[in-house]
C-alpha atoms as a PDB file:
ATOM      1  CA  MET A   1     -26.638  10.049   6.702  1.00  0.00           C
ATOM      2  CA  GLY A   2     -26.115  13.308   4.876  1.00  0.00           C
ATOM      3  CA  THR A   3     -27.459  15.271   1.960  1.00  0.00           C
ATOM      4  CA  ILE A   4     -26.032  12.993  -0.717  1.00  0.00           C
ATOM      5  CA  ASP A   5     -27.790   9.785   0.337  1.00  0.00           C
ATOM      6  CA  ASP A   6     -27.487   7.034  -2.269  1.00  0.00           C
ATOM      7  CA  LYS A   7     -25.780   9.264  -4.846  1.00  0.00           C
ATOM      8  CA  VAL A   8     -23.231   7.403  -6.973  1.00  0.00           C
ATOM      9  CA  ILE A   9     -19.886   9.194  -6.913  1.00  0.00           C
ATOM     10  CA  LEU A  10     -16.732   8.172  -8.771  1.00  0.00           C
ATOM     11  CA  VAL A  11     -13.389   9.202  -7.255  1.00  0.00           C
ATOM     12  CA  THR A  12     -10.123   8.852  -9.191  1.00  0.00           C
ATOM     13  CA  GLY A  13      -6.839   8.514  -7.332  1.00  0.00           C
ATOM     14  CA  ALA A  14      -8.893   6.938  -4.557  1.00  0.00           C
ATOM     15  CA  ALA A  15      -6.328   4.472  -3.207  1.00  0.00           C
ATOM     16  CA  ARG A  16      -4.500   6.903  -0.925  1.00  0.00           C
ATOM     17  CA  GLY A  17      -4.050  10.459   0.279  1.00  0.00           C
ATOM     18  CA  ILE A  18      -6.652  13.056  -0.616  1.00  0.00           C
ATOM     19  CA  GLY A  19      -8.592  10.657  -2.870  1.00  0.00           C
ATOM     20  CA  ARG A  20      -9.008   8.145  -0.067  1.00  0.00           C
ATOM     21  CA  ALA A  21     -10.124  10.868   2.348  1.00  0.00           C
ATOM     22  CA  ILE A  22     -12.663  12.174  -0.175  1.00  0.00           C
ATOM     23  CA  ALA A  23     -14.072   8.688  -0.791  1.00  0.00           C
ATOM     24  CA  LEU A  24     -14.450   7.999   2.929  1.00  0.00           C
ATOM     25  CA  ARG A  25     -16.044  11.368   3.669  1.00  0.00           C
ATOM     26  CA  LEU A  26     -18.559  11.018   0.835  1.00  0.00           C
ATOM     27  CA  ALA A  27     -19.422   7.508   2.042  1.00  0.00           C
ATOM     28  CA  GLN A  28     -19.941   8.857   5.570  1.00  0.00           C
ATOM     29  CA  ASP A  29     -22.275  11.455   4.074  1.00  0.00           C
ATOM     30  CA  GLY A  30     -24.385   8.699   2.493  1.00  0.00           C
ATOM     31  CA  ALA A  31     -23.003   8.203  -1.018  1.00  0.00           C
ATOM     32  CA  ASN A  32     -22.023   4.988  -2.762  1.00  0.00           C
ATOM     33  CA  ILE A  33     -18.530   5.187  -4.180  1.00  0.00           C
ATOM     34  CA  ALA A  34     -16.783   3.960  -7.314  1.00  0.00           C
ATOM     35  CA  LEU A  35     -13.086   3.811  -6.417  1.00  0.00           C
ATOM     36  CA  VAL A  36     -10.685   4.264  -9.336  1.00  0.00           C
ATOM     37  CA  ASP A  37      -6.887   4.024  -9.209  1.00  0.00           C
ATOM     38  CA  MET A  38      -3.995   1.996 -10.582  1.00  0.00           C
ATOM     39  CA  ASP A  39      -3.074   0.713  -7.103  1.00  0.00           C
ATOM     40  CA  ALA A  40      -5.079  -2.510  -6.667  1.00  0.00           C
ATOM     41  CA  ALA A  41      -3.986  -3.158  -3.081  1.00  0.00           C
ATOM     42  CA  GLY A  42      -4.817   0.406  -2.060  1.00  0.00           C
ATOM     43  CA  LEU A  43      -8.239   0.155  -3.676  1.00  0.00           C
ATOM     44  CA  GLU A  44      -8.993  -3.044  -1.766  1.00  0.00           C
ATOM     45  CA  LYS A  45      -8.187  -1.346   1.557  1.00  0.00           C
ATOM     46  CA  VAL A  46     -10.401   1.662   0.873  1.00  0.00           C
ATOM     47  CA  ASP A  47     -13.168  -0.636  -0.372  1.00  0.00           C
ATOM     48  CA  LYS A  48     -13.133  -2.396   3.014  1.00  0.00           C
ATOM     49  CA  GLU A  49     -13.130   0.925   4.866  1.00  0.00           C
ATOM     50  CA  ILE A  50     -16.238   2.012   2.982  1.00  0.00           C
ATOM     51  CA  ALA A  51     -17.938  -1.314   3.662  1.00  0.00           C
ATOM     52  CA  ALA A  52     -17.249  -0.743   7.381  1.00  0.00           C
ATOM     53  CA  ILE A  53     -19.073   2.593   7.095  1.00  0.00           C
ATOM     54  CA  GLY A  54     -22.069   0.701   5.724  1.00  0.00           C
ATOM     55  CA  ARG A  55     -22.064   2.078   2.196  1.00  0.00           C
ATOM     56  CA  LYS A  56     -21.607   0.349  -1.155  1.00  0.00           C
ATOM     57  CA  ALA A  57     -18.390   0.636  -3.121  1.00  0.00           C
ATOM     58  CA  THR A  58     -16.969  -0.830  -6.284  1.00  0.00           C
ATOM     59  CA  ILE A  59     -13.374  -0.778  -7.472  1.00  0.00           C
ATOM     60  CA  PHE A  60     -11.979  -0.290 -10.963  1.00  0.00           C
ATOM     61  CA  GLN A  61      -8.336  -0.190 -11.973  1.00  0.00           C
ATOM     62  CA  ALA A  62      -7.689   2.497 -14.566  1.00  0.00           C
ATOM     63  CA  ASP A  63      -5.006   4.841 -15.821  1.00  0.00           C
ATOM     64  CA  VAL A  64      -6.732   8.225 -16.091  1.00  0.00           C
ATOM     65  CA  SER A  65      -4.459   9.282 -18.948  1.00  0.00           C
ATOM     66  CA  ASN A  66      -6.152   6.583 -21.053  1.00  0.00           C
ATOM     67  CA  ARG A  67      -9.440   7.937 -22.408  1.00  0.00           C
ATOM     68  CA  ASP A  68     -10.994   4.511 -23.022  1.00  0.00           C
ATOM     69  CA  GLN A  69     -10.208   3.402 -19.477  1.00  0.00           C
ATOM     70  CA  VAL A  70     -11.835   6.512 -17.997  1.00  0.00           C
ATOM     71  CA  TYR A  71     -15.006   5.930 -20.032  1.00  0.00           C
ATOM     72  CA  ALA A  72     -14.955   2.271 -18.939  1.00  0.00           C
ATOM     73  CA  ALA A  73     -14.633   3.324 -15.290  1.00  0.00           C
ATOM     74  CA  VAL A  74     -17.727   5.535 -15.595  1.00  0.00           C
ATOM     75  CA  ASP A  75     -19.678   2.710 -17.275  1.00  0.00           C
ATOM     76  CA  HIS A  76     -18.561   0.339 -14.506  1.00  0.00           C
ATOM     77  CA  ALA A  77     -19.723   2.742 -11.786  1.00  0.00           C
ATOM     78  CA  GLU A  78     -23.163   3.078 -13.361  1.00  0.00           C
ATOM     79  CA  LYS A  79     -23.557  -0.658 -13.885  1.00  0.00           C
ATOM     80  CA  GLU A  80     -22.339  -1.772 -10.453  1.00  0.00           C
ATOM     81  CA  LEU A  81     -23.941   0.956  -8.340  1.00  0.00           C
ATOM     82  CA  GLY A  82     -27.102   1.601 -10.350  1.00  0.00           C
ATOM     83  CA  GLY A  83     -26.606   5.235 -11.323  1.00  0.00           C
ATOM     84  CA  PHE A  84     -24.113   8.035 -11.827  1.00  0.00           C
ATOM     85  CA  ASP A  85     -24.283  11.456 -10.191  1.00  0.00           C
ATOM     86  CA  VAL A  86     -20.841  12.958  -9.526  1.00  0.00           C
ATOM     87  CA  ILE A  87     -17.259  12.507 -10.704  1.00  0.00           C
ATOM     88  CA  ILE A  88     -14.268  13.643  -8.663  1.00  0.00           C
ATOM     89  CA  ASN A  89     -11.255  13.928 -10.993  1.00  0.00           C
ATOM     90  CA  ASN A  90      -8.780  13.754  -8.134  1.00  0.00           C
ATOM     91  CA  ALA A  91      -5.908  11.736  -9.612  1.00  0.00           C
ATOM     92  CA  GLY A  92      -2.724  13.683 -10.237  1.00  0.00           C
ATOM     93  CA  ILE A  93       1.045  13.623  -9.908  1.00  0.00           C
ATOM     94  CA  ALA A  94       3.657  16.149  -8.821  1.00  0.00           C
ATOM     95  CA  SER A  95       6.779  17.173 -10.692  1.00  0.00           C
ATOM     96  CA  VAL A  96       9.680  19.155  -9.282  1.00  0.00           C
ATOM     97  CA  GLN A  97      12.361  20.618 -11.518  1.00  0.00           C
ATOM     98  CA  PRO A  98      13.706  23.976 -12.672  1.00  0.00           C
ATOM     99  CA  ILE A  99      12.091  25.097 -15.917  1.00  0.00           C
ATOM    100  CA  ALA A 100      15.545  24.973 -17.553  1.00  0.00           C
ATOM    101  CA  GLN A 101      15.789  21.250 -16.824  1.00  0.00           C
ATOM    102  CA  ALA A 102      12.265  20.155 -17.817  1.00  0.00           C
ATOM    103  CA  GLN A 103      12.516  17.017 -19.955  1.00  0.00           C
ATOM    104  CA  PRO A 104      10.050  15.907 -22.656  1.00  0.00           C
ATOM    105  CA  GLU A 105       9.188  12.592 -20.985  1.00  0.00           C
ATOM    106  CA  GLU A 106       8.326  14.115 -17.619  1.00  0.00           C
ATOM    107  CA  VAL A 107       6.382  16.999 -19.158  1.00  0.00           C
ATOM    108  CA  GLU A 108       4.427  14.527 -21.279  1.00  0.00           C
ATOM    109  CA  ARG A 109       3.619  12.375 -18.236  1.00  0.00           C
ATOM    110  CA  LEU A 110       2.384  15.396 -16.308  1.00  0.00           C
ATOM    111  CA  ILE A 111       0.192  16.532 -19.190  1.00  0.00           C
ATOM    112  CA  ASN A 112      -1.190  13.033 -19.703  1.00  0.00           C
ATOM    113  CA  ILE A 113      -2.250  12.566 -16.080  1.00  0.00           C
ATOM    114  CA  ASN A 114      -2.954  16.046 -14.719  1.00  0.00           C
ATOM    115  CA  ILE A 115      -4.557  17.585 -17.801  1.00  0.00           C
ATOM    116  CA  LYS A 116      -5.766  14.788 -20.051  1.00  0.00           C
ATOM    117  CA  GLY A 117      -6.909  12.758 -17.043  1.00  0.00           C
ATOM    118  CA  VAL A 118      -9.202  15.622 -16.019  1.00  0.00           C
ATOM    119  CA  LEU A 119     -10.327  16.242 -19.608  1.00  0.00           C
ATOM    120  CA  TRP A 120     -11.316  12.593 -20.154  1.00  0.00           C
ATOM    121  CA  GLY A 121     -13.121  12.575 -16.797  1.00  0.00           C
ATOM    122  CA  ILE A 122     -15.095  15.684 -17.729  1.00  0.00           C
ATOM    123  CA  GLN A 123     -15.956  14.189 -21.130  1.00  0.00           C
ATOM    124  CA  ALA A 124     -16.961  10.775 -19.826  1.00  0.00           C
ATOM    125  CA  ALA A 125     -19.068  12.097 -16.965  1.00  0.00           C
ATOM    126  CA  ALA A 126     -20.856  14.693 -19.082  1.00  0.00           C
ATOM    127  CA  ALA A 127     -21.601  12.086 -21.756  1.00  0.00           C
ATOM    128  CA  LYS A 128     -23.052   9.786 -19.098  1.00  0.00           C
ATOM    129  CA  PHE A 129     -25.196  12.528 -17.549  1.00  0.00           C
ATOM    130  CA  ARG A 130     -26.524  13.437 -20.983  1.00  0.00           C
ATOM    131  CA  ALA A 131     -27.231   9.794 -21.858  1.00  0.00           C
ATOM    132  CA  ARG A 132     -29.125   9.401 -18.585  1.00  0.00           C
ATOM    133  CA  LYS A 133     -30.940  12.718 -19.211  1.00  0.00           C
ATOM    134  CA  GLN A 134     -30.043  13.991 -15.762  1.00  0.00           C
ATOM    135  CA  LYS A 135     -28.129  16.729 -14.019  1.00  0.00           C
ATOM    136  CA  GLY A 136     -24.700  16.004 -12.585  1.00  0.00           C
ATOM    137  CA  LYS A 137     -21.600  17.394 -10.946  1.00  0.00           C
ATOM    138  CA  ILE A 138     -18.020  17.365 -12.197  1.00  0.00           C
ATOM    139  CA  ILE A 139     -15.351  18.254  -9.628  1.00  0.00           C
ATOM    140  CA  SER A 140     -11.618  18.269 -10.355  1.00  0.00           C
ATOM    141  CA  ALA A 141      -8.406  18.679  -8.389  1.00  0.00           C
ATOM    142  CA  ALA A 142      -6.480  21.850  -9.125  1.00  0.00           C
ATOM    143  CA  SER A 143      -4.081  23.404  -6.590  1.00  0.00           C
ATOM    144  CA  ILE A 144      -2.817  26.663  -5.145  1.00  0.00           C
ATOM    145  CA  ALA A 145      -0.241  26.095  -7.902  1.00  0.00           C
ATOM    146  CA  GLY A 146      -3.133  26.591 -10.316  1.00  0.00           C
ATOM    147  CA  HIS A 147      -3.473  30.170  -9.034  1.00  0.00           C
ATOM    148  CA  GLU A 148       0.200  31.041  -8.568  1.00  0.00           C
ATOM    149  CA  GLY A 149       3.330  29.659 -10.176  1.00  0.00           C
ATOM    150  CA  PHE A 150       5.912  28.401  -7.689  1.00  0.00           C
ATOM    151  CA  PRO A 151       9.668  28.003  -8.243  1.00  0.00           C
ATOM    152  CA  LEU A 152      10.663  24.440  -9.198  1.00  0.00           C
ATOM    153  CA  LEU A 153       6.968  23.671  -9.761  1.00  0.00           C
ATOM    154  CA  GLY A 154       6.564  25.499 -13.070  1.00  0.00           C
ATOM    155  CA  VAL A 155       5.329  22.611 -15.216  1.00  0.00           C
ATOM    156  CA  TYR A 156       3.164  21.261 -12.391  1.00  0.00           C
ATOM    157  CA  SER A 157       1.707  24.760 -11.937  1.00  0.00           C
ATOM    158  CA  ALA A 158       0.991  24.951 -15.674  1.00  0.00           C
ATOM    159  CA  SER A 159      -0.923  21.658 -15.489  1.00  0.00           C
ATOM    160  CA  LYS A 160      -3.063  22.969 -12.636  1.00  0.00           C
ATOM    161  CA  PHE A 161      -3.709  26.294 -14.368  1.00  0.00           C
ATOM    162  CA  ALA A 162      -4.978  24.103 -17.224  1.00  0.00           C
ATOM    163  CA  VAL A 163      -7.425  22.369 -14.882  1.00  0.00           C
ATOM    164  CA  ARG A 164      -8.896  25.766 -14.031  1.00  0.00           C
ATOM    165  CA  ALA A 165      -9.231  26.580 -17.742  1.00  0.00           C
ATOM    166  CA  LEU A 166     -10.986  23.284 -18.460  1.00  0.00           C
ATOM    167  CA  THR A 167     -13.257  23.849 -15.457  1.00  0.00           C
ATOM    168  CA  GLN A 168     -14.335  27.299 -16.644  1.00  0.00           C
ATOM    169  CA  SER A 169     -14.860  26.223 -20.257  1.00  0.00           C
ATOM    170  CA  ALA A 170     -16.749  23.056 -19.345  1.00  0.00           C
ATOM    171  CA  ALA A 171     -18.950  24.966 -16.898  1.00  0.00           C
ATOM    172  CA  LYS A 172     -20.063  27.250 -19.726  1.00  0.00           C
ATOM    173  CA  GLU A 173     -20.517  24.423 -22.226  1.00  0.00           C
ATOM    174  CA  TYR A 174     -22.526  22.133 -19.949  1.00  0.00           C
ATOM    175  CA  ALA A 175     -24.597  24.618 -17.946  1.00  0.00           C
ATOM    176  CA  ALA A 176     -27.611  24.208 -20.229  1.00  0.00           C
ATOM    177  CA  ASP A 177     -27.591  20.474 -19.401  1.00  0.00           C
ATOM    178  CA  GLY A 178     -27.793  21.172 -15.674  1.00  0.00           C
ATOM    179  CA  ILE A 179     -24.202  19.960 -15.196  1.00  0.00           C
ATOM    180  CA  THR A 180     -22.016  21.999 -12.851  1.00  0.00           C
ATOM    181  CA  VAL A 181     -18.232  21.943 -13.135  1.00  0.00           C
ATOM    182  CA  ASN A 182     -15.975  23.106 -10.312  1.00  0.00           C
ATOM    183  CA  ALA A 183     -12.474  22.476  -8.952  1.00  0.00           C
ATOM    184  CA  TYR A 184     -10.784  22.586  -5.561  1.00  0.00           C
ATOM    185  CA  CYS A 185      -7.350  24.002  -4.863  1.00  0.00           C
ATOM    186  CA  PRO A 186      -5.547  22.491  -1.858  1.00  0.00           C
ATOM    187  CA  GLY A 187      -2.302  23.850  -0.473  1.00  0.00           C
ATOM    188  CA  VAL A 188       0.380  22.010   1.468  1.00  0.00           C
ATOM    189  CA  VAL A 189      -1.189  18.690   2.410  1.00  0.00           C
ATOM    190  CA  GLY A 190       0.629  16.144   4.566  1.00  0.00           C
ATOM    191  CA  THR A 191       0.555  13.266   2.059  1.00  0.00           C
ATOM    192  CA  ASP A 192       3.036  11.022   0.249  1.00  0.00           C
ATOM    193  CA  MET A 193       3.006  13.506  -2.637  1.00  0.00           C
ATOM    194  CA  TRP A 194       4.430  16.258  -0.435  1.00  0.00           C
ATOM    195  CA  VAL A 195       7.067  13.888   0.925  1.00  0.00           C
ATOM    196  CA  GLU A 196       8.171  13.369  -2.691  1.00  0.00           C
ATOM    197  CA  ILE A 197       8.084  17.113  -3.461  1.00  0.00           C
ATOM    198  CA  ASP A 198      10.141  17.923  -0.367  1.00  0.00           C
ATOM    199  CA  ALA A 199      12.734  15.244  -1.146  1.00  0.00           C
ATOM    200  CA  LYS A 200      13.136  16.413  -4.737  1.00  0.00           C
ATOM    201  CA  MET A 201      13.420  20.060  -3.694  1.00  0.00           C
ATOM    202  CA  ALA A 202      16.061  19.112  -1.118  1.00  0.00           C
ATOM    203  CA  GLU A 203      17.993  17.329  -3.867  1.00  0.00           C
ATOM    204  CA  ILE A 204      17.882  20.382  -6.137  1.00  0.00           C
ATOM    205  CA  THR A 205      18.420  23.157  -3.574  1.00  0.00           C
ATOM    206  CA  GLY A 206      20.631  21.412  -1.027  1.00  0.00           C
ATOM    207  CA  ALA A 207      18.105  21.990   1.755  1.00  0.00           C
ATOM    208  CA  LYS A 208      17.709  19.338   4.444  1.00  0.00           C
ATOM    209  CA  ILE A 209      14.880  16.823   4.150  1.00  0.00           C
ATOM    210  CA  GLY A 210      11.764  18.400   5.651  1.00  0.00           C
ATOM    211  CA  GLU A 211      13.127  21.941   5.458  1.00  0.00           C
ATOM    212  CA  THR A 212      11.201  23.005   2.330  1.00  0.00           C
ATOM    213  CA  TYR A 213       8.005  21.451   3.668  1.00  0.00           C
ATOM    214  CA  ASP A 214       8.436  23.299   6.972  1.00  0.00           C
ATOM    215  CA  GLN A 215       9.141  26.547   5.150  1.00  0.00           C
ATOM    216  CA  TYR A 216       5.837  26.301   3.267  1.00  0.00           C
ATOM    217  CA  VAL A 217       3.904  25.259   6.379  1.00  0.00           C
ATOM    218  CA  ASN A 218       5.347  28.196   8.327  1.00  0.00           C
ATOM    219  CA  GLY A 219       3.741  30.516   5.788  1.00  0.00           C
ATOM    220  CA  ILE A 220       0.223  29.161   6.446  1.00  0.00           C
ATOM    221  CA  ALA A 221      -1.929  31.624   8.415  1.00  0.00           C
ATOM    222  CA  LEU A 222      -3.733  28.888  10.371  1.00  0.00           C
ATOM    223  CA  GLY A 223      -0.374  27.573  11.528  1.00  0.00           C
ATOM    224  CA  ARG A 224      -0.475  23.939  10.444  1.00  0.00           C
ATOM    225  CA  ALA A 225      -0.217  21.723   7.405  1.00  0.00           C
ATOM    226  CA  GLN A 226      -3.416  20.704   5.694  1.00  0.00           C
ATOM    227  CA  THR A 227      -4.863  17.227   6.210  1.00  0.00           C
ATOM    228  CA  PRO A 228      -6.568  15.167   3.506  1.00  0.00           C
ATOM    229  CA  GLU A 229      -9.725  15.457   5.616  1.00  0.00           C
ATOM    230  CA  ASP A 230      -9.603  19.261   5.352  1.00  0.00           C
ATOM    231  CA  VAL A 231      -9.803  18.884   1.585  1.00  0.00           C
ATOM    232  CA  ALA A 232     -12.441  16.149   1.739  1.00  0.00           C
ATOM    233  CA  GLY A 233     -14.814  18.327   3.756  1.00  0.00           C
ATOM    234  CA  PHE A 234     -14.760  20.996   1.079  1.00  0.00           C
ATOM    235  CA  VAL A 235     -15.184  18.473  -1.729  1.00  0.00           C
ATOM    236  CA  ALA A 236     -18.196  17.056   0.137  1.00  0.00           C
ATOM    237  CA  TYR A 237     -19.716  20.540   0.037  1.00  0.00           C
ATOM    238  CA  LEU A 238     -19.074  20.788  -3.723  1.00  0.00           C
ATOM    239  CA  ALA A 239     -20.662  17.355  -4.240  1.00  0.00           C
ATOM    240  CA  GLY A 240     -23.769  18.245  -2.234  1.00  0.00           C
ATOM    241  CA  PRO A 241     -26.911  20.275  -2.981  1.00  0.00           C
ATOM    242  CA  ASP A 242     -25.649  23.398  -1.183  1.00  0.00           C
ATOM    243  CA  ALA A 243     -23.274  23.930  -4.130  1.00  0.00           C
ATOM    244  CA  ASP A 244     -25.966  23.533  -6.806  1.00  0.00           C
ATOM    245  CA  TYR A 245     -25.745  27.212  -7.801  1.00  0.00           C
ATOM    246  CA  MET A 246     -21.966  27.191  -8.102  1.00  0.00           C
ATOM    247  CA  THR A 247     -20.176  26.459 -11.370  1.00  0.00           C
ATOM    248  CA  GLY A 248     -16.920  27.297 -13.136  1.00  0.00           C
ATOM    249  CA  GLN A 249     -15.093  28.015  -9.882  1.00  0.00           C
ATOM    250  CA  ALA A 250     -11.791  26.800  -8.419  1.00  0.00           C
ATOM    251  CA  PRO A 251     -11.726  27.982  -4.785  1.00  0.00           C
ATOM    252  CA  ILE A 252      -8.559  27.803  -2.703  1.00  0.00           C
ATOM    253  CA  ILE A 253      -8.652  25.815   0.530  1.00  0.00           C
ATOM    254  CA  ASP A 254      -5.142  26.075   1.960  1.00  0.00           C
ATOM    255  CA  GLY A 255      -5.327  27.483   5.495  1.00  0.00           C
ATOM    256  CA  GLY A 256      -4.291  30.921   4.282  1.00  0.00           C
ATOM    257  CA  LEU A 257      -1.216  30.697   2.072  1.00  0.00           C
ATOM    258  CA  VAL A 258      -2.279  31.963  -1.349  1.00  0.00           C
ATOM    259  CA  TYR A 259      -4.899  34.718  -1.477  1.00  0.00           C
ATOM    260  CA  ARG A 260      -7.142  35.478  -4.463  1.00  0.00           C
END
């Protein structure tokens, strides 16, 4: 077991991709995991994977853009797993379009999930930590697109810049309660989300399928695409005691693509 033995950690967007990898890594490190997503079948699979590791898990279907559902997910985690120590606001969606073609419905959806979903997670977790009179950790998914705006990813980039703003503000507001607030900024990760981004970019630019993805990967100093496990290892650090003195930060972990 690791340094987070028996901690209760809630992970949103836990049914696949980076969220799944984070949940499994934290379970391997000794935590008990509340798995939150809208994908019931995906949640069931990850639940079984965590059981095979020998840790406890509980699943809760929720739409993170719905404030009441996020609060209910936190309450569920505490009730089912007997505590509440860390939230990972990992759930998010991508959006690819030129700024000139951004449509109200898609912009609204992006704001609701990528920004409000993180905001409600910060609120709900901090309220729970305060109610329990304990310290806690809030960790949210930003992106390299939260440090640099990319063409055809303007609105997505704006949503991830917003995550950094919320992280900094919340870190200052909650520091006196012993609550730390940080984010993580992945780069080009080989997940379903990047398959969707590549396909949409190909549609807009006329590039072949896979060409945009390869172009980004070729710019990575370490010479390969990122895996969900690469991200999970860093999130495990943020969730553990070695990061206790860190707050308000959104470090980039991207293999050397964006430098700040």
